[in-house]
């Protein structure tokens, strides 16, 4: 996926992920921080048509002035798409 920059583009990108979701949950497995960098190992969960679809994610947040200045998520898009297509979400 290409990088998304700017508040409007980020909102649109997130809306695309959440548009078909009845519910969304983020399960944080591990969290590490050093100065202005925060790392999150998590499982993002999307309930779609009554079925939970889960995808493991590694996230990186860079902060400046108490706000997120950069946000990167790393996940296997192919795995996410195949889980969406699979009966029962897995």
N, C-alpha and C. Protein backbone atom coordinates (compact mmCIF):
# COMPACT_ATOMS: atom_id res chain seq x y z
N UNK A 1 0.84 -1.17 0.00
CA UNK A 1 0.00 0.00 0.00
C UNK A 1 0.89 1.24 0.00
N UNK A 2 0.50 2.24 -0.74
CA UNK A 2 1.30 3.47 -0.73
C UNK A 2 1.12 4.24 0.57
N UNK A 3 2.09 5.08 0.88
CA UNK A 3 2.01 5.92 2.08
C UNK A 3 0.82 6.88 1.96
N UNK A 4 0.21 7.18 3.08
CA UNK A 4 -0.91 8.11 3.14
C UNK A 4 -0.44 9.30 3.97
N UNK A 5 -0.63 10.50 3.45
CA UNK A 5 -0.15 11.70 4.15
C UNK A 5 -1.27 12.73 4.23
N UNK A 6 -1.34 13.39 5.37
CA UNK A 6 -2.33 14.45 5.58
C UNK A 6 -3.57 13.93 6.28
N UNK A 7 -4.16 14.81 7.09
CA UNK A 7 -5.31 14.42 7.90
C UNK A 7 -6.48 13.88 7.08
N UNK A 8 -6.81 14.55 5.99
CA UNK A 8 -7.95 14.12 5.17
C UNK A 8 -7.67 12.75 4.55
N UNK A 9 -6.50 12.57 3.98
CA UNK A 9 -6.16 11.30 3.35
C UNK A 9 -6.11 10.17 4.37
N UNK A 10 -5.61 10.44 5.55
CA UNK A 10 -5.55 9.42 6.60
C UNK A 10 -6.96 9.03 7.03
N UNK A 11 -7.83 10.02 7.22
CA UNK A 11 -9.23 9.71 7.58
C UNK A 11 -9.89 8.86 6.51
N UNK A 12 -9.68 9.19 5.24
CA UNK A 12 -10.27 8.43 4.14
C UNK A 12 -9.74 7.00 4.11
N UNK A 13 -8.45 6.84 4.34
CA UNK A 13 -7.85 5.51 4.33
C UNK A 13 -8.42 4.65 5.46
N UNK A 14 -8.48 5.22 6.66
CA UNK A 14 -9.04 4.49 7.80
C UNK A 14 -10.52 4.17 7.58
N UNK A 15 -11.25 5.11 7.00
CA UNK A 15 -12.67 4.89 6.72
C UNK A 15 -12.85 3.70 5.78
N UNK A 16 -11.94 3.54 4.84
CA UNK A 16 -12.00 2.41 3.92
C UNK A 16 -11.88 1.08 4.64
N UNK A 17 -11.01 1.01 5.64
CA UNK A 17 -10.84 -0.22 6.41
C UNK A 17 -12.07 -0.49 7.29
N UNK A 18 -12.68 0.57 7.77
CA UNK A 18 -13.76 0.41 8.74
C UNK A 18 -15.15 0.44 8.13
N UNK A 19 -15.27 0.79 6.87
CA UNK A 19 -16.58 0.99 6.23
C UNK A 19 -17.49 -0.23 6.36
N UNK A 20 -16.96 -1.39 6.16
CA UNK A 20 -17.80 -2.59 6.20
C UNK A 20 -17.81 -3.27 7.57
N UNK A 21 -17.14 -2.67 8.54
CA UNK A 21 -17.03 -3.28 9.87
C UNK A 21 -18.18 -2.85 10.77
N UNK A 22 -18.77 -3.83 11.41
CA UNK A 22 -19.80 -3.56 12.41
C UNK A 22 -19.16 -3.12 13.73
N UNK A 23 -17.96 -3.61 13.95
CA UNK A 23 -17.23 -3.33 15.19
C UNK A 23 -15.75 -3.50 14.89
N UNK A 24 -14.91 -2.75 15.58
CA UNK A 24 -13.46 -2.84 15.43
C UNK A 24 -12.84 -2.89 16.82
N UNK A 25 -11.85 -3.76 16.99
CA UNK A 25 -11.12 -3.86 18.26
C UNK A 25 -9.63 -3.91 17.97
N UNK A 26 -8.84 -3.36 18.87
CA UNK A 26 -7.39 -3.43 18.77
C UNK A 26 -6.88 -4.08 20.05
N UNK A 27 -6.26 -5.23 19.91
CA UNK A 27 -5.69 -5.94 21.06
C UNK A 27 -4.17 -5.69 21.06
N UNK A 28 -3.70 -4.92 22.02
CA UNK A 28 -2.27 -4.63 22.12
C UNK A 28 -1.60 -5.77 22.87
N UNK A 29 -0.65 -6.41 22.20
CA UNK A 29 0.08 -7.54 22.80
C UNK A 29 1.33 -7.06 23.52
N UNK A 30 2.05 -6.14 22.89
CA UNK A 30 3.27 -5.59 23.48
C UNK A 30 3.39 -4.12 23.09
N UNK A 31 3.98 -3.36 24.01
CA UNK A 31 4.14 -1.93 23.82
C UNK A 31 5.52 -1.54 24.32
N UNK A 32 6.26 -0.80 23.50
CA UNK A 32 7.59 -0.34 23.91
C UNK A 32 7.73 1.12 23.50
N UNK A 33 8.41 1.89 24.34
CA UNK A 33 8.60 3.30 24.04
C UNK A 33 10.02 3.71 24.39
N UNK A 34 10.56 4.60 23.58
CA UNK A 34 11.87 5.18 23.83
C UNK A 34 11.84 6.60 23.28
N UNK A 35 11.97 7.54 24.18
CA UNK A 35 11.90 8.97 23.80
C UNK A 35 10.59 9.24 23.07
N UNK A 36 10.67 9.62 21.80
CA UNK A 36 9.48 10.01 21.05
C UNK A 36 8.97 8.92 20.11
N UNK A 37 9.40 7.68 20.32
CA UNK A 37 8.98 6.57 19.46
C UNK A 37 8.26 5.52 20.29
N UNK A 38 7.10 5.09 19.80
CA UNK A 38 6.31 4.05 20.46
C UNK A 38 6.09 2.92 19.47
N UNK A 39 6.37 1.67 19.90
CA UNK A 39 6.15 0.49 19.08
C UNK A 39 4.99 -0.30 19.66
N UNK A 40 4.10 -0.76 18.80
CA UNK A 40 2.98 -1.58 19.26
C UNK A 40 2.91 -2.86 18.44
N UNK A 41 2.89 -3.99 19.13
CA UNK A 41 2.58 -5.27 18.51
C UNK A 41 1.13 -5.53 18.88
N UNK A 42 0.27 -5.72 17.88
CA UNK A 42 -1.14 -5.83 18.19
C UNK A 42 -1.86 -6.72 17.19
N UNK A 43 -3.10 -7.02 17.51
CA UNK A 43 -3.99 -7.72 16.59
C UNK A 43 -5.18 -6.80 16.35
N UNK A 44 -5.37 -6.42 15.09
CA UNK A 44 -6.51 -5.59 14.72
C UNK A 44 -7.65 -6.53 14.33
N UNK A 45 -8.83 -6.28 14.89
CA UNK A 45 -9.97 -7.16 14.68
C UNK A 45 -11.13 -6.37 14.09
N UNK A 46 -11.70 -6.91 13.02
CA UNK A 46 -12.81 -6.27 12.33
C UNK A 46 -13.97 -7.26 12.27
N UNK A 47 -15.13 -6.88 12.79
CA UNK A 47 -16.31 -7.73 12.72
C UNK A 47 -17.09 -7.33 11.47
N UNK A 48 -17.15 -8.27 10.52
CA UNK A 48 -17.77 -8.02 9.23
C UNK A 48 -18.81 -9.11 8.98
N UNK A 49 -20.05 -8.70 8.80
CA UNK A 49 -21.14 -9.65 8.60
C UNK A 49 -21.20 -10.69 9.71
N UNK A 50 -20.98 -10.23 10.93
CA UNK A 50 -21.07 -11.11 12.09
C UNK A 50 -19.87 -11.99 12.34
N UNK A 51 -18.82 -11.86 11.53
CA UNK A 51 -17.63 -12.71 11.64
C UNK A 51 -16.41 -11.82 11.93
N UNK A 52 -15.60 -12.24 12.89
CA UNK A 52 -14.38 -11.50 13.23
C UNK A 52 -13.25 -11.88 12.27
N UNK A 53 -12.61 -10.87 11.71
CA UNK A 53 -11.42 -11.04 10.87
C UNK A 53 -10.28 -10.38 11.63
N UNK A 54 -9.22 -11.15 11.87
CA UNK A 54 -8.10 -10.66 12.67
C UNK A 54 -6.83 -10.59 11.83
N UNK A 55 -6.04 -9.57 12.06
CA UNK A 55 -4.76 -9.44 11.36
C UNK A 55 -3.69 -8.93 12.34
N UNK A 56 -2.55 -9.62 12.41
CA UNK A 56 -1.45 -9.14 13.26
C UNK A 56 -0.80 -7.90 12.64
N UNK A 57 -0.46 -6.94 13.48
CA UNK A 57 0.09 -5.66 13.02
C UNK A 57 1.24 -5.24 13.92
N UNK A 58 2.25 -4.64 13.32
CA UNK A 58 3.32 -3.97 14.07
C UNK A 58 3.20 -2.50 13.74
N UNK A 59 3.02 -1.66 14.76
CA UNK A 59 2.83 -0.23 14.53
C UNK A 59 3.97 0.58 15.13
N UNK A 60 4.30 1.67 14.48
CA UNK A 60 5.32 2.60 14.94
C UNK A 60 4.71 4.00 14.96
N UNK A 61 4.79 4.65 16.10
CA UNK A 61 4.31 6.02 16.25
C UNK A 61 5.49 6.90 16.64
N UNK A 62 5.67 8.00 15.93
CA UNK A 62 6.66 9.00 16.30
C UNK A 62 5.88 10.20 16.79
N UNK A 63 6.26 10.73 17.94
CA UNK A 63 5.53 11.86 18.51
C UNK A 63 6.40 13.12 18.52
N UNK A 64 5.70 14.24 18.52
CA UNK A 64 6.37 15.54 18.63
C UNK A 64 5.38 16.49 19.28
N UNK A 65 5.79 17.14 20.35
CA UNK A 65 4.90 18.08 21.02
C UNK A 65 3.65 17.43 21.58
N UNK A 66 3.74 16.15 21.98
CA UNK A 66 2.59 15.46 22.55
C UNK A 66 1.58 14.96 21.54
N UNK A 67 1.91 15.07 20.24
CA UNK A 67 1.01 14.60 19.19
C UNK A 67 1.72 13.60 18.29
N UNK A 68 0.95 12.75 17.62
CA UNK A 68 1.54 11.81 16.68
C UNK A 68 2.00 12.58 15.44
N UNK A 69 3.30 12.47 15.14
CA UNK A 69 3.88 13.15 13.98
C UNK A 69 4.03 12.20 12.79
N UNK A 70 4.18 10.91 13.08
CA UNK A 70 4.28 9.89 12.03
C UNK A 70 3.71 8.60 12.58
N UNK A 71 3.03 7.84 11.71
CA UNK A 71 2.40 6.59 12.11
C UNK A 71 2.57 5.60 10.97
N UNK A 72 3.22 4.49 11.29
CA UNK A 72 3.43 3.44 10.29
C UNK A 72 2.91 2.13 10.85
N UNK A 73 2.14 1.42 10.06
CA UNK A 73 1.67 0.09 10.42
C UNK A 73 2.23 -0.90 9.40
N UNK A 74 2.70 -2.02 9.90
CA UNK A 74 3.24 -3.08 9.05
C UNK A 74 2.38 -4.32 9.25
N UNK A 75 1.83 -4.82 8.15
CA UNK A 75 1.02 -6.03 8.20
C UNK A 75 1.02 -6.65 6.82
N UNK A 76 0.58 -7.89 6.75
CA UNK A 76 0.53 -8.63 5.50
C UNK A 76 -0.83 -8.38 4.85
N UNK A 77 -0.86 -7.51 3.85
CA UNK A 77 -2.12 -7.16 3.20
C UNK A 77 -2.75 -8.38 2.53
N UNK A 78 -1.93 -9.24 1.96
CA UNK A 78 -2.45 -10.47 1.33
C UNK A 78 -3.13 -11.37 2.36
N UNK A 79 -2.54 -11.49 3.53
CA UNK A 79 -3.14 -12.28 4.60
C UNK A 79 -4.48 -11.68 5.01
N UNK A 80 -4.54 -10.36 5.16
CA UNK A 80 -5.78 -9.69 5.53
C UNK A 80 -6.84 -9.93 4.47
N UNK A 81 -6.49 -9.79 3.19
CA UNK A 81 -7.45 -9.98 2.11
C UNK A 81 -7.93 -11.42 2.03
N UNK A 82 -7.03 -12.38 2.26
CA UNK A 82 -7.45 -13.79 2.21
C UNK A 82 -8.36 -14.13 3.39
N UNK A 83 -8.12 -13.52 4.53
CA UNK A 83 -9.00 -13.75 5.68
C UNK A 83 -10.37 -13.13 5.46
N UNK A 84 -10.41 -12.00 4.77
CA UNK A 84 -11.70 -11.39 4.43
C UNK A 84 -12.50 -12.31 3.51
N UNK A 85 -11.81 -12.96 2.59
CA UNK A 85 -12.48 -13.79 1.59
C UNK A 85 -12.85 -15.18 2.12
N UNK A 86 -12.19 -15.63 3.20
CA UNK A 86 -12.40 -16.97 3.71
C UNK A 86 -13.72 -17.07 4.48
N UNK A 87 -14.42 -18.19 4.35
CA UNK A 87 -15.62 -18.39 5.17
C UNK A 87 -15.25 -18.37 6.66
N UNK A 88 -15.99 -17.65 7.44
CA UNK A 88 -15.70 -17.57 8.87
C UNK A 88 -14.58 -16.60 9.20
N UNK A 89 -14.02 -15.92 8.20
CA UNK A 89 -13.01 -14.92 8.45
C UNK A 89 -11.61 -15.44 8.68
N UNK A 90 -11.40 -16.73 8.68
CA UNK A 90 -10.04 -17.27 8.90
C UNK A 90 -9.65 -18.23 7.82
